Structure formats: structure tokens, C-alpha cells
């Protein structure tokens, strides 16, 4: 093998060496226990968004063939401390951003440092200021689940901002209605945006089931260079009502294990089915509304010259 490697390196790289002719896969949207408490009234006092332990997420993703691993917890990077010892791990977060019109959205920001996290959190309530920082730092970021009502109401203006400044859209998410993913993919194609995918999994069951692959990449830097060059391929599953409901029951089970006293609330678990059904129907309605609004007519992108007089202050 050594003789073949030394004398026929091109053939070795083509047919044998994964490092010379491989691909890198990463689930670009996955949560851990660091994502904090859930945002459902009452439950936000006792139940977490996710009970995934960072080490368990890492092991699960590697078992499913992920070459790179990241965590995208809500406005937090604490879980990354446990995984930074791995050379195939990079730090990321899912940022809750306030739009100029007062709505909120989720932005996946990848390959950051601790200092980036501090500055991102400082600016996340000022969309324009945040965009200036991410652009200056050349950080890769994506609009997550654009056709979902998870972050509340949306406005047409939001999509104009996305079109003008976001380099990428999440086009496949295992928690989303398939049509919501497809609407995001159509919008990304129409706007010439980069498509990325991730599981958005809050339990181990879904982690790594959706991912973004870049052929020929050998390092995290090459992976992101490939994404920016439009060489990424999104693979994996879409969401369904059954998957969502199963995940909610998994979270409830984890709550019971962490806080045994909550077993007294077990009869309330019967409300999970109607709760998830109502949520799923709302997601379908939200997606249909905004898909029809955006695809019914081309909207002019909002550019720098459309901004109000506060832009100069934000730039400064």
C-alpha cells in the first residue's frame, strides 16, 4: 500500500483516500440542554427546550455519519465548552433577532468565537447593526424556518430584509411541514440564495436526520467555502405531525426524569395531542399565507437606499 500511495498518489486520492476525495456533512441546526427553557406559558417555568446532553449529541451525530458537528442553541454557546476538544466541532448559535418592524426571526450563525457571541447578543435587537457585524466578520449565517410561525407574526418587510442581506436560507428542517421547506427552497432559488439544511432537533431521535453536504471539503474552512460557492447539497427528512408529537412526548418524558414531582401532572399529558395538532395546523396556515403572498407577485428587494434615517447611526 505504501508503494502504491507514493508512486500513484493521484489514483490513491481518487479511489482510496477519503481525505483526498471525500465530502463533509454537518447537521447545521441542532439543540442541546443549553437552549434554555421552553417558551410555552406555564411550562416555561419547569420544562426545557431540549434535554440533549452535548456529548450525547456529538456521539449520535458521528454515528449517523456527520463529518463535522456543531450546536445551535438559542442565544447560547455554553454547551460548546464540552465539545471544543474535538477538532471536528465548531461553535455556532441560533440567534433570536428583532427585525426593524418589531417582529422576530431565528438566524443560524456558524463558526463563531466567544467574542462573536458576546457582540451578536449585544446587537441582536438591532437587525441592521447585526448585519453590519456579521458582514464585517465574514461569518456565514442563514434565515431559519422562514415559513414557520414559531417566532410569531411575520411581515412582508421581513422578507425584503432577508432578500437583501441574508446569504442563505434553511430549506430543509426535520421539524417543519414539507410544504414549508419547499416554499423556503423555492424562495432561495428565486433570490439566488444558498440552501442549507438541519434537523432542528430538540431530542436525540431527530439529530442528524437532515444535513448539508459539501463534496471535496476536508476542513471546516473548506466546508464553508464550498457552501458560499453554492456547492452544498441538502439531504434528509422533512417534518410531520407524528414526528413532532413523538418529540414532544420525549421531552415530557425527560421532564419527568429530571423533576419526578411533575409526575403528578401526568394526566395533563393527554393535552399533548390536541396541542401539537393545533400547532401543526397553525404552521400549515402560516406557510400557505406567506407562500401565496410572496409567490403571487415579485416584490422589490429592500436595499440600503430604502432605509430610514437611523441607518447612518447604525452604521456608526
Protein backbone atom coordinates (compact mmCIF):
# COMPACT_ATOMS: atom_id res chain seq x y z
CA UNK A 1 0.00 0.00 0.00
CA UNK A 2 2.86 2.42 0.79
CA UNK A 3 4.40 1.83 -2.66
CA UNK A 4 1.07 2.41 -4.38
CA UNK A 5 0.47 5.56 -2.31
CA UNK A 6 3.87 7.02 -3.09
CA UNK A 7 4.04 6.14 -6.79
CA UNK A 8 0.39 6.61 -7.74
CA UNK A 9 -0.82 9.38 -5.47
CA UNK A 10 -3.49 10.73 -7.89
CA UNK A 11 -5.08 7.28 -8.22
CA UNK A 12 -4.82 6.74 -4.50
CA UNK A 13 -6.59 10.03 -3.87
CA UNK A 14 -9.28 9.27 -6.42
CA UNK A 15 -10.15 5.70 -5.48
CA UNK A 16 -8.97 5.09 -1.93
CA UNK A 17 -8.17 8.11 0.17
CA UNK A 18 -11.30 9.67 1.65
CA UNK A 19 -9.25 12.69 2.69
CA UNK A 20 -8.37 13.47 -0.93
CA UNK A 21 -11.74 12.72 -2.50
CA UNK A 22 -14.38 12.98 0.18
CA UNK A 23 -17.24 15.10 1.40
CA UNK A 24 -18.17 16.73 4.66
CA UNK A 25 -21.59 16.51 6.23
CA UNK A 26 -23.00 18.63 9.03
CA UNK A 27 -26.37 18.96 10.70
CA UNK A 28 -26.46 22.76 10.79
CA UNK A 29 -29.37 23.06 13.22
CA UNK A 30 -29.41 21.01 16.40
CA UNK A 31 -30.14 21.84 20.02
CA UNK A 32 -28.92 20.81 23.45
CA UNK A 33 -29.79 21.43 27.07
CA UNK A 34 -28.15 24.87 26.74
CA UNK A 35 -31.12 26.13 24.68
CA UNK A 36 -32.84 27.05 27.93
CA UNK A 37 -36.46 26.83 28.99
CA UNK A 38 -39.35 26.35 26.57
CA UNK A 39 -41.40 29.42 25.69
CA UNK A 40 -44.84 27.90 26.31
CA UNK A 41 -46.68 29.77 29.08
CA UNK A 42 -46.59 27.98 32.46
CA UNK A 43 -44.28 25.25 31.09
CA UNK A 44 -41.53 27.84 30.70
CA UNK A 45 -41.07 27.63 34.46
CA UNK A 46 -40.37 23.90 34.58
CA UNK A 47 -39.64 22.43 31.13
CA UNK A 48 -36.55 22.81 28.96
CA UNK A 49 -36.47 23.34 25.19
CA UNK A 50 -34.18 20.31 24.95
CA UNK A 51 -32.73 17.71 27.29
CA UNK A 52 -29.96 16.66 24.89
CA UNK A 53 -26.59 16.42 26.58
CA UNK A 54 -23.80 17.82 24.35
CA UNK A 55 -21.70 14.65 24.47
CA UNK A 56 -24.71 12.52 23.53
CA UNK A 57 -25.48 14.81 20.59
CA UNK A 58 -21.88 14.54 19.40
CA UNK A 59 -21.90 10.74 19.61
CA UNK A 60 -25.26 10.49 17.87
CA UNK A 61 -24.21 12.75 15.00
CA UNK A 62 -20.95 10.87 14.46
CA UNK A 63 -22.83 7.55 14.43
CA UNK A 64 -25.04 8.92 11.67
CA UNK A 65 -22.08 9.92 9.53
CA UNK A 66 -21.70 13.62 10.27
CA UNK A 67 -18.14 14.69 9.47
CA UNK A 68 -18.50 17.99 11.30
CA UNK A 69 -20.50 18.74 14.44
CA UNK A 70 -21.98 21.97 15.73
CA UNK A 71 -24.67 23.02 18.19
CA UNK A 72 -27.11 25.85 17.51
CA UNK A 73 -28.64 26.57 20.88
CA UNK A 74 -30.93 29.55 21.34
CA UNK A 75 -28.74 32.60 22.05
CA UNK A 76 -26.24 30.41 23.90
CA UNK A 77 -22.89 28.71 23.36
CA UNK A 78 -22.40 27.14 26.81
CA UNK A 79 -22.70 23.57 25.54
CA UNK A 80 -19.79 24.13 23.18
CA UNK A 81 -17.33 24.16 26.07
CA UNK A 82 -17.72 20.41 26.45
CA UNK A 83 -17.14 19.71 22.74
CA UNK A 84 -14.37 22.15 21.83
CA UNK A 85 -11.80 19.41 22.48
CA UNK A 86 -12.91 17.76 19.22
CA UNK A 87 -11.21 19.03 16.07
CA UNK A 88 -14.36 18.39 14.03
CA UNK A 89 -16.52 20.66 16.22
CA UNK A 90 -17.18 24.33 15.54
CA UNK A 91 -19.13 26.87 17.57
CA UNK A 92 -22.48 28.20 16.37
CA UNK A 93 -25.75 29.53 17.74
CA UNK A 94 -29.34 30.22 16.74
CA UNK A 95 -29.90 33.92 17.34
CA UNK A 96 -33.30 35.40 18.15
CA UNK A 97 -33.24 38.62 16.14
CA UNK A 98 -35.60 41.58 16.31
CA UNK A 99 -36.46 42.89 12.88
CA UNK A 100 -36.82 46.62 12.09
CA UNK A 101 -40.62 46.24 12.07
CA UNK A 102 -40.68 44.68 15.56
CA UNK A 103 -41.15 41.03 14.55
CA UNK A 104 -38.69 38.29 15.50
CA UNK A 105 -36.84 35.65 13.48
CA UNK A 106 -34.23 32.96 14.05
CA UNK A 107 -30.83 33.32 12.42
CA UNK A 108 -28.30 30.47 12.36
CA UNK A 109 -24.76 31.89 12.72
CA UNK A 110 -21.88 29.47 12.22
CA UNK A 111 -18.19 29.20 13.03
CA UNK A 112 -18.17 31.91 15.67
CA UNK A 113 -15.90 32.72 18.61
CA UNK A 114 -16.81 33.63 22.18
CA UNK A 115 -16.21 37.29 21.35
CA UNK A 116 -18.53 37.00 18.35
CA UNK A 117 -21.21 35.56 20.61
CA UNK A 118 -20.98 38.49 23.01
CA UNK A 119 -21.22 41.02 20.19
CA UNK A 120 -24.02 39.14 18.43
CA UNK A 121 -26.07 39.10 21.63
CA UNK A 122 -25.44 42.80 22.11
CA UNK A 123 -26.72 43.58 18.62
CA UNK A 124 -29.48 41.02 18.14
CA UNK A 125 -32.28 43.50 18.85
CA UNK A 126 -30.97 45.74 16.06
CA UNK A 127 -31.14 43.84 12.77
CA UNK A 128 -29.17 46.40 10.74
CA UNK A 129 -26.36 46.63 13.28
CA UNK A 130 -26.18 42.83 13.48
CA UNK A 131 -25.99 42.52 9.69
CA UNK A 132 -23.11 45.01 9.61
CA UNK A 133 -21.21 42.99 12.21
CA UNK A 134 -21.77 39.59 10.58
CA UNK A 135 -20.71 41.01 7.22
CA UNK A 136 -17.62 42.68 8.64
CA UNK A 137 -16.58 39.44 10.36
CA UNK A 138 -17.38 37.42 7.21
CA UNK A 139 -19.48 35.00 9.24
CA UNK A 140 -21.78 32.58 7.44
CA UNK A 141 -25.43 32.80 8.52
CA UNK A 142 -28.85 31.63 7.39
CA UNK A 143 -32.51 32.52 7.82
CA UNK A 144 -34.03 29.57 9.67
CA UNK A 145 -37.57 28.22 9.04
CA UNK A 146 -38.71 31.36 7.20
CA UNK A 147 -42.20 29.94 6.59
CA UNK A 148 -42.85 28.92 10.19
CA UNK A 149 -44.82 30.83 12.80
CA UNK A 150 -42.57 29.66 15.63
CA UNK A 151 -41.28 33.17 16.27
CA UNK A 152 -44.66 34.84 15.95
CA UNK A 153 -46.03 37.13 13.28
CA UNK A 154 -44.21 37.97 10.06
CA UNK A 155 -44.40 40.98 7.73
CA UNK A 156 -43.68 41.45 4.04
CA UNK A 157 -40.93 43.82 5.04
CA UNK A 158 -39.15 40.96 6.85
CA UNK A 159 -38.80 39.04 3.60
CA UNK A 160 -37.41 42.14 1.89
CA UNK A 161 -34.72 42.37 4.56
CA UNK A 162 -33.97 38.65 4.20
CA UNK A 163 -33.68 39.03 0.44
CA UNK A 164 -31.28 41.94 0.74
CA UNK A 165 -28.88 40.75 3.42
CA UNK A 166 -29.08 37.03 4.21
CA UNK A 167 -26.69 34.85 2.18
CA UNK A 168 -28.52 31.60 2.96
CA UNK A 169 -31.94 30.12 3.72
CA UNK A 170 -32.64 26.94 5.64
CA UNK A 171 -34.56 24.92 3.05
CA UNK A 172 -34.98 21.65 4.90
CA UNK A 173 -35.78 21.21 8.57
CA UNK A 174 -37.00 17.95 10.03
CA UNK A 175 -39.42 19.79 12.35
CA UNK A 176 -41.17 21.67 9.52
CA UNK A 177 -44.16 20.84 7.33
CA UNK A 178 -42.78 19.63 3.95
CA UNK A 179 -44.50 22.47 2.09
CA UNK A 180 -42.82 25.00 4.39
CA UNK A 181 -39.44 23.55 3.45
CA UNK A 182 -40.38 23.55 -0.22
CA UNK A 183 -41.52 27.18 -0.04
CA UNK A 184 -38.19 28.13 1.52
CA UNK A 185 -36.35 26.24 -1.22
CA UNK A 186 -38.31 27.99 -3.98
CA UNK A 187 -37.68 31.38 -2.40
CA UNK A 188 -33.96 30.64 -2.05
CA UNK A 189 -33.75 29.64 -5.73
CA UNK A 190 -35.65 32.72 -6.86
CA UNK A 191 -33.42 35.03 -4.83
CA UNK A 192 -30.18 33.23 -5.66
CA UNK A 193 -29.55 32.30 -2.02
CA UNK A 194 -27.53 29.41 -0.63
CA UNK A 195 -29.60 26.45 0.62
CA UNK A 196 -28.73 24.76 3.90
CA UNK A 197 -30.42 22.10 5.98
CA UNK A 198 -30.50 20.86 9.53
CA UNK A 199 -32.65 18.77 11.81
CA UNK A 200 -33.63 21.50 14.32
CA UNK A 201 -33.85 18.52 16.62
CA UNK A 202 -34.55 19.10 20.31
CA UNK A 203 -34.30 15.35 21.00
CA UNK A 204 -31.67 12.80 20.04
CA UNK A 205 -34.13 10.92 17.82
CA UNK A 206 -34.06 13.51 15.05
CA UNK A 207 -30.46 14.70 15.29
CA UNK A 208 -28.51 14.13 12.09
CA UNK A 209 -31.58 13.14 10.07
CA UNK A 210 -31.23 16.26 7.93
CA UNK A 211 -27.88 17.76 6.98
CA UNK A 212 -25.87 19.79 4.49
CA UNK A 213 -23.10 18.12 2.49
CA UNK A 214 -20.16 19.67 0.63
CA UNK A 215 -18.21 17.45 -1.74
CA UNK A 216 -14.42 17.79 -1.74
CA UNK A 217 -14.16 19.68 1.57
CA UNK A 218 -11.56 18.48 4.07
CA UNK A 219 -11.67 21.16 6.78
CA UNK A 220 -14.35 23.39 8.31
CA UNK A 221 -12.94 26.34 6.36
CA UNK A 222 -13.22 24.40 3.09
CA UNK A 223 -16.73 23.32 4.07
CA UNK A 224 -17.90 26.92 4.45
CA UNK A 225 -16.03 27.99 1.34
CA UNK A 226 -17.93 25.30 -0.54
CA UNK A 227 -21.24 26.49 0.91
CA UNK A 228 -20.52 30.08 -0.12
CA UNK A 229 -19.65 28.86 -3.61
CA UNK A 230 -23.04 27.15 -3.91
CA UNK A 231 -21.59 23.63 -3.71
CA UNK A 232 -23.67 22.49 -0.75
CA UNK A 233 -26.29 19.78 -1.08
CA UNK A 234 -29.18 19.43 1.37
CA UNK A 235 -30.26 15.90 2.30
CA UNK A 236 -32.59 14.24 4.74
CA UNK A 237 -36.11 14.16 6.07
CA UNK A 238 -38.95 16.66 6.31
CA UNK A 239 -41.20 17.06 9.31
CA UNK A 240 -44.61 15.57 10.08
CA UNK A 241 -47.27 15.81 12.75
CA UNK A 242 -46.33 12.34 14.00
CA UNK A 243 -42.63 13.27 14.39
CA UNK A 244 -43.49 16.49 16.20
CA UNK A 245 -45.85 14.73 18.59
CA UNK A 246 -43.34 11.97 19.31
CA UNK A 247 -40.66 14.57 20.09
CA UNK A 248 -42.96 16.43 22.48
CA UNK A 249 -43.65 13.18 24.34
CA UNK A 250 -39.89 12.55 24.51
CA UNK A 251 -39.38 15.97 26.06
CA UNK A 252 -42.20 15.34 28.55
CA UNK A 253 -40.57 12.02 29.49
CA UNK A 254 -37.24 13.80 30.05
CA UNK A 255 -39.02 16.38 32.20
CA UNK A 256 -40.44 13.62 34.38
CA UNK A 257 -36.99 12.08 34.79
CA UNK A 258 -35.40 15.40 35.72
CA UNK A 259 -38.22 16.54 38.02
CA UNK A 260 -40.03 13.47 39.40
CA UNK A 261 -42.55 15.67 41.20
CA UNK A 262 -44.00 16.61 37.80
CA UNK A 263 -45.37 13.06 37.52
CA UNK A 264 -48.32 14.48 39.45
CA UNK A 265 -49.10 16.39 36.26
CA UNK A 266 -49.20 13.22 34.17
CA UNK A 267 -52.95 13.49 33.38
CA UNK A 268 -52.16 16.74 31.54
CA UNK A 269 -50.09 14.77 29.04
CA UNK A 270 -53.38 13.96 27.35
CA UNK A 271 -53.30 17.55 26.10
CA UNK A 272 -50.18 16.89 24.01
CA UNK A 273 -52.13 15.51 21.06
CA UNK A 274 -54.53 18.46 20.67
CA UNK A 275 -51.69 20.90 21.42
CA UNK A 276 -49.44 19.56 18.67
CA UNK A 277 -52.41 19.26 16.29
CA UNK A 278 -53.25 22.92 16.84
CA UNK A 279 -49.62 23.91 16.37
CA UNK A 280 -49.31 21.89 13.15
CA UNK A 281 -52.47 23.38 11.68
CA UNK A 282 -51.20 26.87 12.53
CA UNK A 283 -47.90 26.10 10.79
CA UNK A 284 -49.78 25.00 7.68
CA UNK A 285 -51.91 28.15 7.71
CA UNK A 286 -48.86 30.38 8.22
CA UNK A 287 -46.95 28.76 5.38
CA UNK A 288 -49.86 28.93 2.95
CA UNK A 289 -50.46 32.58 3.74
CA UNK A 290 -46.88 33.70 3.13
CA UNK A 291 -46.23 31.37 0.22
CA UNK A 292 -49.26 32.83 -1.56
CA UNK A 293 -48.26 36.39 -0.69
CA UNK A 294 -44.69 36.03 -1.95
CA UNK A 295 -45.33 33.85 -4.98
CA UNK A 296 -48.35 35.83 -6.11
CA UNK A 297 -46.15 38.69 -7.25
CA UNK A 298 -42.49 39.70 -7.32
CA UNK A 299 -41.50 42.06 -4.54
CA UNK A 300 -38.71 44.58 -4.99
CA UNK A 301 -35.85 43.86 -2.62
CA UNK A 302 -35.26 46.41 0.10
CA UNK A 303 -31.80 47.94 -0.29
CA UNK A 304 -29.61 50.43 1.54
CA UNK A 305 -31.32 53.42 -0.05
CA UNK A 306 -34.67 52.27 1.33
CA UNK A 307 -33.50 52.51 4.92
CA UNK A 308 -34.67 55.22 7.28
CA UNK A 309 -32.51 58.00 8.63
CA UNK A 310 -31.34 55.88 11.57
CA UNK A 311 -29.16 53.83 9.19
CA UNK A 312 -26.20 56.16 9.48
CA UNK A 313 -26.28 55.87 13.24
CA UNK A 314 -26.46 52.06 13.00
CA UNK A 315 -23.55 52.02 10.56
CA UNK A 316 -21.51 54.06 13.00
